[in-house]
Amino acid sequence: MPLPDQDTIIDALKTVTDPELGVNIVDLGLVYTIQAREEEGEIDVEMTLTSPACPAGPQILRDATDALENLEGVSKANVRLVMSPPWSMERMTDDARDQLGIF
């Protein structure tokens, strides 16, 4: 079974929110890379957190993994936490800025 397309993967990741900020991880700019490995049925994601000490980190990683593994055709999601480059507010989308009242 083929893996979902990039838009479907991104939409799934948009269902995962940072519980402290109430904004999804894609619009926050936390997702760095997405690579689909068709032969294995796996999706590899590299993402970061707003802070290395983010207490919601384990929950966010678990939620991202679950969101991807619930997609049809995905046998496994490998969500890896990276801290380089560090996250900055410049990575946020305009939607995230609007939600947080940052102009």
PDB file of N, CA and C in Angstrom:
ATOM      1  N   MET A   1       0.853  -1.185   0.000  1.00  0.00           N
ATOM      2  CA  MET A   1       0.000   0.000   0.000  1.00  0.00           C
ATOM      3  C   MET A   1       0.896   1.245   0.000  1.00  0.00           C
ATOM      4  N   PRO A   2       0.603   2.203  -0.847  1.00  0.00           N
ATOM      5  CA  PRO A   2       1.446   3.405  -0.912  1.00  0.00           C
ATOM      6  C   PRO A   2       1.304   4.271   0.340  1.00  0.00           C
ATOM      7  N   LEU A   3       2.360   4.999   0.615  1.00  0.00           N
ATOM      8  CA  LEU A   3       2.322   5.942   1.724  1.00  0.00           C
ATOM      9  C   LEU A   3       1.506   7.168   1.336  1.00  0.00           C
ATOM     10  N   PRO A   4       0.964   7.865   2.320  1.00  0.00           N
ATOM     11  CA  PRO A   4       0.225   9.095   2.022  1.00  0.00           C
ATOM     12  C   PRO A   4       1.153  10.133   1.395  1.00  0.00           C
ATOM     13  N   ASP A   5       0.558  11.087   0.658  1.00  0.00           N
ATOM     14  CA  ASP A   5       1.368  12.145   0.063  1.00  0.00           C
ATOM     15  C   ASP A   5       1.779  13.152   1.143  1.00  0.00           C
ATOM     16  N   GLN A   6       2.686  14.045   0.769  1.00  0.00           N
ATOM     17  CA  GLN A   6       3.263  15.015   1.706  1.00  0.00           C
ATOM     18  C   GLN A   6       2.195  15.880   2.370  1.00  0.00           C
ATOM     19  N   ASP A   7       1.192  16.311   1.615  1.00  0.00           N
ATOM     20  CA  ASP A   7       0.132  17.150   2.192  1.00  0.00           C
ATOM     21  C   ASP A   7      -0.647  16.406   3.270  1.00  0.00           C
ATOM     22  N   THR A   8      -0.923  15.132   3.045  1.00  0.00           N
ATOM     23  CA  THR A   8      -1.650  14.322   4.022  1.00  0.00           C
ATOM     24  C   THR A   8      -0.816  14.136   5.283  1.00  0.00           C
ATOM     25  N   ILE A   9       0.482  13.927   5.105  1.00  0.00           N
ATOM     26  CA  ILE A   9       1.387  13.780   6.253  1.00  0.00           C
ATOM     27  C   ILE A   9       1.412  15.076   7.060  1.00  0.00           C
ATOM     28  N   ILE A  10       1.526  16.200   6.377  1.00  0.00           N
ATOM     29  CA  ILE A  10       1.549  17.496   7.059  1.00  0.00           C
ATOM     30  C   ILE A  10       0.227  17.753   7.773  1.00  0.00           C
ATOM     31  N   ASP A  11      -0.880  17.422   7.116  1.00  0.00           N
ATOM     32  CA  ASP A  11      -2.190  17.599   7.762  1.00  0.00           C
ATOM     33  C   ASP A  11      -2.293  16.769   9.045  1.00  0.00           C
ATOM     34  N   ALA A  12      -1.749  15.543   9.012  1.00  0.00           N
ATOM     35  CA  ALA A  12      -1.765  14.694  10.210  1.00  0.00           C
ATOM     36  C   ALA A  12      -0.941  15.345  11.322  1.00  0.00           C
ATOM     37  N   LEU A  13       0.222  15.883  10.974  1.00  0.00           N
ATOM     38  CA  LEU A  13       1.063  16.534  11.979  1.00  0.00           C
ATOM     39  C   LEU A  13       0.423  17.811  12.509  1.00  0.00           C
ATOM     40  N   LYS A  14      -0.414  18.450  11.699  1.00  0.00           N
ATOM     41  CA  LYS A  14      -1.109  19.658  12.164  1.00  0.00           C
ATOM     42  C   LYS A  14      -2.153  19.354  13.232  1.00  0.00           C
ATOM     43  N   THR A  15      -2.499  18.087  13.425  1.00  0.00           N
ATOM     44  CA  THR A  15      -3.438  17.733  14.491  1.00  0.00           C
ATOM     45  C   THR A  15      -2.749  17.680  15.851  1.00  0.00           C
ATOM     46  N   VAL A  16      -1.423  17.750  15.847  1.00  0.00           N
ATOM     47  CA  VAL A  16      -0.640  17.693  17.093  1.00  0.00           C
ATOM     48  C   VAL A  16      -0.364  19.119  17.549  1.00  0.00           C
ATOM     49  N   THR A  17      -0.801  19.438  18.747  1.00  0.00           N
ATOM     50  CA  THR A  17      -0.596  20.793  19.256  1.00  0.00           C
ATOM     51  C   THR A  17       0.351  20.782  20.448  1.00  0.00           C
ATOM     52  N   ASP A  18       1.048  21.879  20.596  1.00  0.00           N
ATOM     53  CA  ASP A  18       1.854  22.102  21.787  1.00  0.00           C
ATOM     54  C   ASP A  18       0.860  22.473  22.882  1.00  0.00           C
ATOM     55  N   PRO A  19       0.707  21.639  23.915  1.00  0.00           N
ATOM     56  CA  PRO A  19      -0.333  21.890  24.914  1.00  0.00           C
ATOM     57  C   PRO A  19      -0.141  23.197  25.687  1.00  0.00           C
ATOM     58  N   GLU A  20       1.085  23.679  25.756  1.00  0.00           N
ATOM     59  CA  GLU A  20       1.321  24.931  26.477  1.00  0.00           C
ATOM     60  C   GLU A  20       0.915  26.139  25.648  1.00  0.00           C
ATOM     61  N   LEU A  21       1.067  26.039  24.328  1.00  0.00           N
ATOM     62  CA  LEU A  21       0.776  27.177  23.455  1.00  0.00           C
ATOM     63  C   LEU A  21      -0.548  27.044  22.718  1.00  0.00           C
ATOM     64  N   GLY A  22      -1.041  25.812  22.577  1.00  0.00           N
ATOM     65  CA  GLY A  22      -2.304  25.591  21.874  1.00  0.00           C
ATOM     66  C   GLY A  22      -2.212  25.793  20.372  1.00  0.00           C
ATOM     67  N   VAL A  23      -1.011  25.675  19.816  1.00  0.00           N
ATOM     68  CA  VAL A  23      -0.781  25.841  18.384  1.00  0.00           C
ATOM     69  C   VAL A  23      -0.154  24.560  17.863  1.00  0.00           C
ATOM     70  N   ASN A  24      -0.509  24.177  16.627  1.00  0.00           N
ATOM     71  CA  ASN A  24       0.019  22.921  16.099  1.00  0.00           C
ATOM     72  C   ASN A  24       1.509  23.011  15.801  1.00  0.00           C
ATOM     73  N   ILE A  25       2.151  21.844  15.799  1.00  0.00           N
ATOM     74  CA  ILE A  25       3.616  21.786  15.683  1.00  0.00           C
ATOM     75  C   ILE A  25       4.127  22.211  14.306  1.00  0.00           C
ATOM     76  N   VAL A  26       3.288  22.076  13.280  1.00  0.00           N
ATOM     77  CA  VAL A  26       3.712  22.499  11.937  1.00  0.00           C
ATOM     78  C   VAL A  26       3.752  24.026  11.869  1.00  0.00           C
ATOM     79  N   ASP A  27       2.672  24.678  12.308  1.00  0.00           N
ATOM     80  CA  ASP A  27       2.620  26.144  12.255  1.00  0.00           C
ATOM     81  C   ASP A  27       3.631  26.786  13.212  1.00  0.00           C
ATOM     82  N   LEU A  28       3.970  26.082  14.286  1.00  0.00           N
ATOM     83  CA  LEU A  28       4.997  26.596  15.187  1.00  0.00           C
ATOM     84  C   LEU A  28       6.392  26.505  14.556  1.00  0.00           C
ATOM     85  N   GLY A  29       6.523  25.704  13.512  1.00  0.00           N
ATOM     86  CA  GLY A  29       7.831  25.544  12.870  1.00  0.00           C
ATOM     87  C   GLY A  29       8.698  24.523  13.564  1.00  0.00           C
ATOM     88  N   LEU A  30       8.077  23.601  14.294  1.00  0.00           N
ATOM     89  CA  LEU A  30       8.843  22.588  15.025  1.00  0.00           C
ATOM     90  C   LEU A  30       9.268  21.418  14.145  1.00  0.00           C
ATOM     91  N   VAL A  31       8.575  21.206  13.022  1.00  0.00           N
ATOM     92  CA  VAL A  31       8.900  20.087  12.133  1.00  0.00           C
ATOM     93  C   VAL A  31       9.957  20.545  11.143  1.00  0.00           C
ATOM     94  N   TYR A  32      11.110  19.884  11.164  1.00  0.00           N
ATOM     95  CA  TYR A  32      12.218  20.261  10.288  1.00  0.00           C
ATOM     96  C   TYR A  32      12.234  19.461   8.988  1.00  0.00           C
ATOM     97  N   THR A  33      12.151  18.145   9.085  1.00  0.00           N
ATOM     98  CA  THR A  33      12.193  17.320   7.876  1.00  0.00           C
ATOM     99  C   THR A  33      11.161  16.208   7.947  1.00  0.00           C
ATOM    100  N   ILE A  34      10.665  15.832   6.760  1.00  0.00           N
ATOM    101  CA  ILE A  34       9.757  14.689   6.615  1.00  0.00           C
ATOM    102  C   ILE A  34      10.268  13.880   5.444  1.00  0.00           C
ATOM    103  N   GLN A  35      10.521  12.608   5.689  1.00  0.00           N
ATOM    104  CA  GLN A  35      10.967  11.737   4.613  1.00  0.00           C
ATOM    105  C   GLN A  35      10.138  10.457   4.642  1.00  0.00           C
ATOM    106  N   ALA A  36       9.502  10.177   3.517  1.00  0.00           N
ATOM    107  CA  ALA A  36       8.721   8.948   3.390  1.00  0.00           C
ATOM    108  C   ALA A  36       9.591   7.870   2.751  1.00  0.00           C
ATOM    109  N   ARG A  37       9.602   6.704   3.375  1.00  0.00           N
ATOM    110  CA  ARG A  37      10.346   5.567   2.824  1.00  0.00           C
ATOM    111  C   ARG A  37       9.320   4.538   2.366  1.00  0.00           C
ATOM    112  N   GLU A  38       8.956   4.660   1.099  1.00  0.00           N
ATOM    113  CA  GLU A  38       7.879   3.873   0.495  1.00  0.00           C
ATOM    114  C   GLU A  38       8.077   2.368   0.683  1.00  0.00           C
ATOM    115  N   GLU A  39       9.293   1.887   0.417  1.00  0.00           N
ATOM    116  CA  GLU A  39       9.543   0.438   0.472  1.00  0.00           C
ATOM    117  C   GLU A  39       9.254  -0.141   1.859  1.00  0.00           C
ATOM    118  N   GLU A  40       9.617   0.613   2.901  1.00  0.00           N
ATOM    119  CA  GLU A  40       9.422   0.136   4.272  1.00  0.00           C
ATOM    120  C   GLU A  40       8.059   0.519   4.846  1.00  0.00           C
ATOM    121  N   GLY A  41       7.354   1.439   4.180  1.00  0.00           N
ATOM    122  CA  GLY A  41       6.090   1.922   4.722  1.00  0.00           C
ATOM    123  C   GLY A  41       6.290   2.814   5.933  1.00  0.00           C
ATOM    124  N   GLU A  42       7.469   3.440   5.992  1.00  0.00           N
ATOM    125  CA  GLU A  42       7.809   4.249   7.157  1.00  0.00           C
ATOM    126  C   GLU A  42       7.952   5.724   6.791  1.00  0.00           C
ATOM    127  N   ILE A  43       7.711   6.551   7.804  1.00  0.00           N
ATOM    128  CA  ILE A  43       7.900   7.990   7.671  1.00  0.00           C
ATOM    129  C   ILE A  43       8.892   8.421   8.740  1.00  0.00           C
ATOM    130  N   ASP A  44       9.920   9.140   8.315  1.00  0.00           N
ATOM    131  CA  ASP A  44      10.913   9.682   9.240  1.00  0.00           C
ATOM    132  C   ASP A  44      10.679  11.182   9.378  1.00  0.00           C
ATOM    133  N   VAL A  45      10.616  11.646  10.605  1.00  0.00           N
ATOM    134  CA  VAL A  45      10.412  13.062  10.874  1.00  0.00           C
ATOM    135  C   VAL A  45      11.482  13.525  11.859  1.00  0.00           C
ATOM    136  N   GLU A  46      12.078  14.659  11.541  1.00  0.00           N
ATOM    137  CA  GLU A  46      12.945  15.325  12.500  1.00  0.00           C
ATOM    138  C   GLU A  46      12.228  16.586  12.945  1.00  0.00           C
ATOM    139  N   MET A  47      12.148  16.749  14.259  1.00  0.00           N
ATOM    140  CA  MET A  47      11.474  17.919  14.800  1.00  0.00           C
ATOM    141  C   MET A  47      12.198  18.389  16.044  1.00  0.00           C
ATOM    142  N   THR A  48      11.845  19.571  16.483  1.00  0.00           N
ATOM    143  CA  THR A  48      12.434  20.133  17.681  1.00  0.00           C
ATOM    144  C   THR A  48      11.322  20.570  18.619  1.00  0.00           C
ATOM    145  N   LEU A  49      11.701  21.203  19.696  1.00  0.00           N
ATOM    146  CA  LEU A  49      10.756  21.758  20.657  1.00  0.00           C
ATOM    147  C   LEU A  49      11.059  23.246  20.805  1.00  0.00           C
ATOM    148  N   THR A  50      10.118  23.991  21.347  1.00  0.00           N
ATOM    149  CA  THR A  50      10.352  25.419  21.518  1.00  0.00           C
ATOM    150  C   THR A  50      11.476  25.672  22.510  1.00  0.00           C
ATOM    151  N   SER A  51      11.706  24.710  23.400  1.00  0.00           N
ATOM    152  CA  SER A  51      12.772  24.811  24.396  1.00  0.00           C
ATOM    153  C   SER A  51      13.275  23.407  24.706  1.00  0.00           C
ATOM    154  N   PRO A  52      14.581  23.234  24.899  1.00  0.00           N
ATOM    155  CA  PRO A  52      15.098  21.907  25.246  1.00  0.00           C
ATOM    156  C   PRO A  52      14.478  21.360  26.538  1.00  0.00           C
ATOM    157  N   ALA A  53      14.027  22.246  27.412  1.00  0.00           N
ATOM    158  CA  ALA A  53      13.450  21.818  28.683  1.00  0.00           C
ATOM    159  C   ALA A  53      11.921  21.734  28.641  1.00  0.00           C
ATOM    160  N   CYS A  54      11.342  21.733  27.458  1.00  0.00           N
ATOM    161  CA  CYS A  54       9.879  21.710  27.309  1.00  0.00           C
ATOM    162  C   CYS A  54       9.294  20.499  28.039  1.00  0.00           C
ATOM    163  N   PRO A  55       8.470  20.723  29.059  1.00  0.00           N
ATOM    164  CA  PRO A  55       7.910  19.595  29.811  1.00  0.00           C
ATOM    165  C   PRO A  55       6.930  18.753  28.993  1.00  0.00           C
ATOM    166  N   ALA A  56       6.381  19.321  27.925  1.00  0.00           N
ATOM    167  CA  ALA A  56       5.423  18.593  27.091  1.00  0.00           C
ATOM    168  C   ALA A  56       6.113  17.800  25.979  1.00  0.00           C
ATOM    169  N   GLY A  57       7.431  17.842  25.924  1.00  0.00           N
ATOM    170  CA  GLY A  57       8.176  17.175  24.856  1.00  0.00           C
ATOM    171  C   GLY A  57       7.800  15.726  24.621  1.00  0.00           C
ATOM    172  N   PRO A  58       7.828  14.884  25.655  1.00  0.00           N
ATOM    173  CA  PRO A  58       7.479  13.471  25.436  1.00  0.00           C
ATOM    174  C   PRO A  58       6.062  13.284  24.883  1.00  0.00           C
ATOM    175  N   GLN A  59       5.119  14.080  25.371  1.00  0.00           N
ATOM    176  CA  GLN A  59       3.741  13.981  24.883  1.00  0.00           C
ATOM    177  C   GLN A  59       3.651  14.402  23.420  1.00  0.00           C
ATOM    178  N   ILE A  60       4.336  15.485  23.052  1.00  0.00           N
ATOM    179  CA  ILE A  60       4.305  15.963  21.670  1.00  0.00           C
ATOM    180  C   ILE A  60       4.892  14.911  20.728  1.00  0.00           C
ATOM    181  N   LEU A  61       6.018  14.320  21.098  1.00  0.00           N
ATOM    182  CA  LEU A  61       6.633  13.275  20.266  1.00  0.00           C
ATOM    183  C   LEU A  61       5.702  12.073  20.123  1.00  0.00           C
ATOM    184  N   ARG A  62       5.090  11.660  21.213  1.00  0.00           N
ATOM    185  CA  ARG A  62       4.156  10.523  21.197  1.00  0.00           C
ATOM    186  C   ARG A  62       2.943  10.841  20.326  1.00  0.00           C
ATOM    187  N   ASP A  63       2.411  12.047  20.458  1.00  0.00           N
ATOM    188  CA  ASP A  63       1.245  12.441  19.664  1.00  0.00           C
ATOM    189  C   ASP A  63       1.588  12.495  18.170  1.00  0.00           C
ATOM    190  N   ALA A  64       2.785  12.984  17.839  1.00  0.00           N
ATOM    191  CA  ALA A  64       3.200  13.047  16.435  1.00  0.00           C
ATOM    192  C   ALA A  64       3.348  11.643  15.857  1.00  0.00           C
ATOM    193  N   THR A  65       3.947  10.754  16.622  1.00  0.00           N
ATOM    194  CA  THR A  65       4.098   9.367  16.180  1.00  0.00           C
ATOM    195  C   THR A  65       2.732   8.726  15.962  1.00  0.00           C
ATOM    196  N   ASP A  66       1.831   8.902  16.917  1.00  0.00           N
ATOM    197  CA  ASP A  66       0.479   8.328  16.804  1.00  0.00           C
ATOM    198  C   ASP A  66      -0.261   8.895  15.599  1.00  0.00           C
ATOM    199  N   ALA A  67      -0.161  10.210  15.372  1.00  0.00           N
ATOM    200  CA  ALA A  67      -0.872  10.828  14.249  1.00  0.00           C
ATOM    201  C   ALA A  67      -0.410  10.239  12.923  1.00  0.00           C
ATOM    202  N   LEU A  68       0.879  10.002  12.795  1.00  0.00           N
ATOM    203  CA  LEU A  68       1.410   9.442  11.547  1.00  0.00           C
ATOM    204  C   LEU A  68       1.082   7.960  11.407  1.00  0.00           C
ATOM    205  N   GLU A  69       1.193   7.220  12.484  1.00  0.00           N
ATOM    206  CA  GLU A  69       0.934   5.778  12.410  1.00  0.00           C
ATOM    207  C   GLU A  69      -0.544   5.465  12.214  1.00  0.00           C
ATOM    208  N   ASN A  70      -1.411   6.436  12.440  1.00  0.00           N
ATOM    209  CA  ASN A  70      -2.836   6.249  12.185  1.00  0.00           C
ATOM    210  C   ASN A  70      -3.205   6.468  10.722  1.00  0.00           C
ATOM    211  N   LEU A  71      -2.251   6.959   9.927  1.00  0.00           N
ATOM    212  CA  LEU A  71      -2.504   7.149   8.494  1.00  0.00           C
ATOM    213  C   LEU A  71      -2.467   5.812   7.773  1.00  0.00           C
ATOM    214  N   GLU A  72      -3.364   5.650   6.822  1.00  0.00           N
ATOM    215  CA  GLU A  72      -3.410   4.428   6.040  1.00  0.00           C
ATOM    216  C   GLU A  72      -2.116   4.263   5.246  1.00  0.00           C
ATOM    217  N   GLY A  73      -1.546   3.076   5.333  1.00  0.00           N
ATOM    218  CA  GLY A  73      -0.333   2.772   4.588  1.00  0.00           C
ATOM    219  C   GLY A  73       0.950   2.968   5.377  1.00  0.00           C
ATOM    220  N   VAL A  74       0.857   3.577   6.564  1.00  0.00           N
ATOM    221  CA  VAL A  74       2.058   3.812   7.381  1.00  0.00           C
ATOM    222  C   VAL A  74       2.213   2.678   8.386  1.00  0.00           C
ATOM    223  N   SER A  75       3.329   1.955   8.280  1.00  0.00           N
ATOM    224  CA  SER A  75       3.573   0.871   9.226  1.00  0.00           C
ATOM    225  C   SER A  75       4.316   1.363  10.460  1.00  0.00           C
ATOM    226  N   LYS A  76       5.127   2.409  10.278  1.00  0.00           N
ATOM    227  CA  LYS A  76       5.892   2.924  11.413  1.00  0.00           C
ATOM    228  C   LYS A  76       6.281   4.372  11.167  1.00  0.00           C
ATOM    229  N   ALA A  77       6.212   5.162  12.236  1.00  0.00           N
ATOM    230  CA  ALA A  77       6.679   6.548  12.191  1.00  0.00           C
ATOM    231  C   ALA A  77       7.876   6.671  13.113  1.00  0.00           C
ATOM    232  N   ASN A  78       8.945   7.200  12.587  1.00  0.00           N
ATOM    233  CA  ASN A  78      10.161   7.424  13.359  1.00  0.00           C
ATOM    234  C   ASN A  78      10.303   8.925  13.578  1.00  0.00           C
ATOM    235  N   VAL A  79       9.856   9.398  14.727  1.00  0.00           N
ATOM    236  CA  VAL A  79       9.904  10.827  15.035  1.00  0.00           C
ATOM    237  C   VAL A  79      11.119  11.052  15.929  1.00  0.00           C
ATOM    238  N   ARG A  80      12.049  11.814  15.400  1.00  0.00           N
ATOM    239  CA  ARG A  80      13.313  12.037  16.099  1.00  0.00           C
ATOM    240  C   ARG A  80      13.423  13.488  16.550  1.00  0.00           C
ATOM    241  N   LEU A  81      13.814  13.661  17.797  1.00  0.00           N
ATOM    242  CA  LEU A  81      13.978  14.993  18.364  1.00  0.00           C
ATOM    243  C   LEU A  81      15.394  15.482  18.085  1.00  0.00           C
ATOM    244  N   VAL A  82      15.492  16.677  17.506  1.00  0.00           N
ATOM    245  CA  VAL A  82      16.793  17.305  17.268  1.00  0.00           C
ATOM    246  C   VAL A  82      16.768  18.697  17.895  1.00  0.00           C
ATOM    247  N   MET A  83      17.921  19.154  18.325  1.00  0.00           N
ATOM    248  CA  MET A  83      18.006  20.487  18.935  1.00  0.00           C
ATOM    249  C   MET A  83      18.860  21.431  18.102  1.00  0.00           C
ATOM    250  N   SER A  84      19.272  20.966  16.931  1.00  0.00           N
ATOM    251  CA  SER A  84      20.087  21.802  16.063  1.00  0.00           C
ATOM    252  C   SER A  84      19.502  21.767  14.660  1.00  0.00           C
ATOM    253  N   PRO A  85      19.178  22.889  14.063  1.00  0.00           N
ATOM    254  CA  PRO A  85      19.327  24.220  14.650  1.00  0.00           C
ATOM    255  C   PRO A  85      18.263  24.453  15.718  1.00  0.00           C
ATOM    256  N   PRO A  86      18.569  25.311  16.690  1.00  0.00           N
ATOM    257  CA  PRO A  86      17.572  25.596  17.721  1.00  0.00           C
ATOM    258  C   PRO A  86      16.356  26.305  17.126  1.00  0.00           C
ATOM    259  N   TRP A  87      15.208  26.048  17.708  1.00  0.00           N
ATOM    260  CA  TRP A  87      13.974  26.679  17.249  1.00  0.00           C
ATOM    261  C   TRP A  87      14.030  28.171  17.554  1.00  0.00           C
ATOM    262  N   SER A  88      13.439  28.957  16.674  1.00  0.00           N
ATOM    263  CA  SER A  88      13.282  30.388  16.932  1.00  0.00           C
ATOM    264  C   SER A  88      11.900  30.819  16.446  1.00  0.00           C
ATOM    265  N   MET A  89      11.432  31.928  16.940  1.00  0.00           N
ATOM    266  CA  MET A  89      10.093  32.412  16.593  1.00  0.00           C
ATOM    267  C   MET A  89       9.957  32.714  15.106  1.00  0.00           C
ATOM    268  N   GLU A  90      11.060  32.951  14.416  1.00  0.00           N
ATOM    269  CA  GLU A  90      11.016  33.229  12.984  1.00  0.00           C
ATOM    270  C   GLU A  90      10.487  32.045  12.178  1.00  0.00           C
ATOM    271  N   ARG A  91      10.518  30.848  12.750  1.00  0.00           N
ATOM    272  CA  ARG A  91      10.050  29.644  12.052  1.00  0.00           C
ATOM    273  C   ARG A  91       8.525  29.527  12.040  1.00  0.00           C
ATOM    274  N   MET A  92       7.839  30.311  12.853  1.00  0.00           N
ATOM    275  CA  MET A  92       6.375  30.219  12.946  1.00  0.00           C
ATOM    276  C   MET A  92       5.702  30.773  11.695  1.00  0.00           C
ATOM    277  N   THR A  93       4.563  30.171  11.350  1.00  0.00           N
ATOM    278  CA  THR A  93       3.765  30.691  10.244  1.00  0.00           C
ATOM    279  C   THR A  93       2.977  31.913  10.720  1.00  0.00           C
ATOM    280  N   ASP A  94       2.414  32.630   9.769  1.00  0.00           N
ATOM    281  CA  ASP A  94       1.567  33.774  10.121  1.00  0.00           C
ATOM    282  C   ASP A  94       0.366  33.327  10.950  1.00  0.00           C
ATOM    283  N   ASP A  95      -0.175  32.121  10.648  1.00  0.00           N
ATOM    284  CA  ASP A  95      -1.311  31.604  11.425  1.00  0.00           C
ATOM    285  C   ASP A  95      -0.928  31.439  12.897  1.00  0.00           C
ATOM    286  N   ALA A  96       0.263  30.888  13.138  1.00  0.00           N
ATOM    287  CA  ALA A  96       0.711  30.697  14.520  1.00  0.00           C
ATOM    288  C   ALA A  96       0.897  32.046  15.204  1.00  0.00           C
ATOM    289  N   ARG A  97       1.478  33.000  14.488  1.00  0.00           N
ATOM    290  CA  ARG A  97       1.679  34.332  15.059  1.00  0.00           C
ATOM    291  C   ARG A  97       0.339  34.973  15.427  1.00  0.00           C
ATOM    292  N   ASP A  98      -0.657  34.809  14.542  1.00  0.00           N
ATOM    293  CA  ASP A  98      -1.984  35.356  14.808  1.00  0.00           C
ATOM    294  C   ASP A  98      -2.595  34.712  16.058  1.00  0.00           C
ATOM    295  N   GLN A  99      -2.471  33.377  16.153  1.00  0.00           N
ATOM    296  CA  GLN A  99      -3.029  32.664  17.297  1.00  0.00           C
ATOM    297  C   GLN A  99      -2.400  33.103  18.606  1.00  0.00           C
ATOM    298  N   LEU A 100      -1.115  33.415  18.560  1.00  0.00           N
ATOM    299  CA  LEU A 100      -0.399  33.794  19.782  1.00  0.00           C
ATOM    300  C   LEU A 100      -0.373  35.301  19.995  1.00  0.00           C
ATOM    301  N   GLY A 101      -0.934  36.060  19.052  1.00  0.00           N
ATOM    302  CA  GLY A 101      -0.970  37.512  19.183  1.00  0.00           C
ATOM    303  C   GLY A 101       0.387  38.164  18.983  1.00  0.00           C
ATOM    304  N   ILE A 102       1.235  37.541  18.152  1.00  0.00           N
ATOM    305  CA  ILE A 102       2.559  38.097  17.862  1.00  0.00           C
ATOM    306  C   ILE A 102       2.512  38.750  16.487  1.00  0.00           C
ATOM    307  N   PHE A 103       2.887  40.008  16.417  1.00  0.00           N
ATOM    308  CA  PHE A 103       2.785  40.733  15.155  1.00  0.00           C
ATOM    309  C   PHE A 103       4.133  41.204  14.674  1.00  0.00           C
TER     310      PHE A 103
END
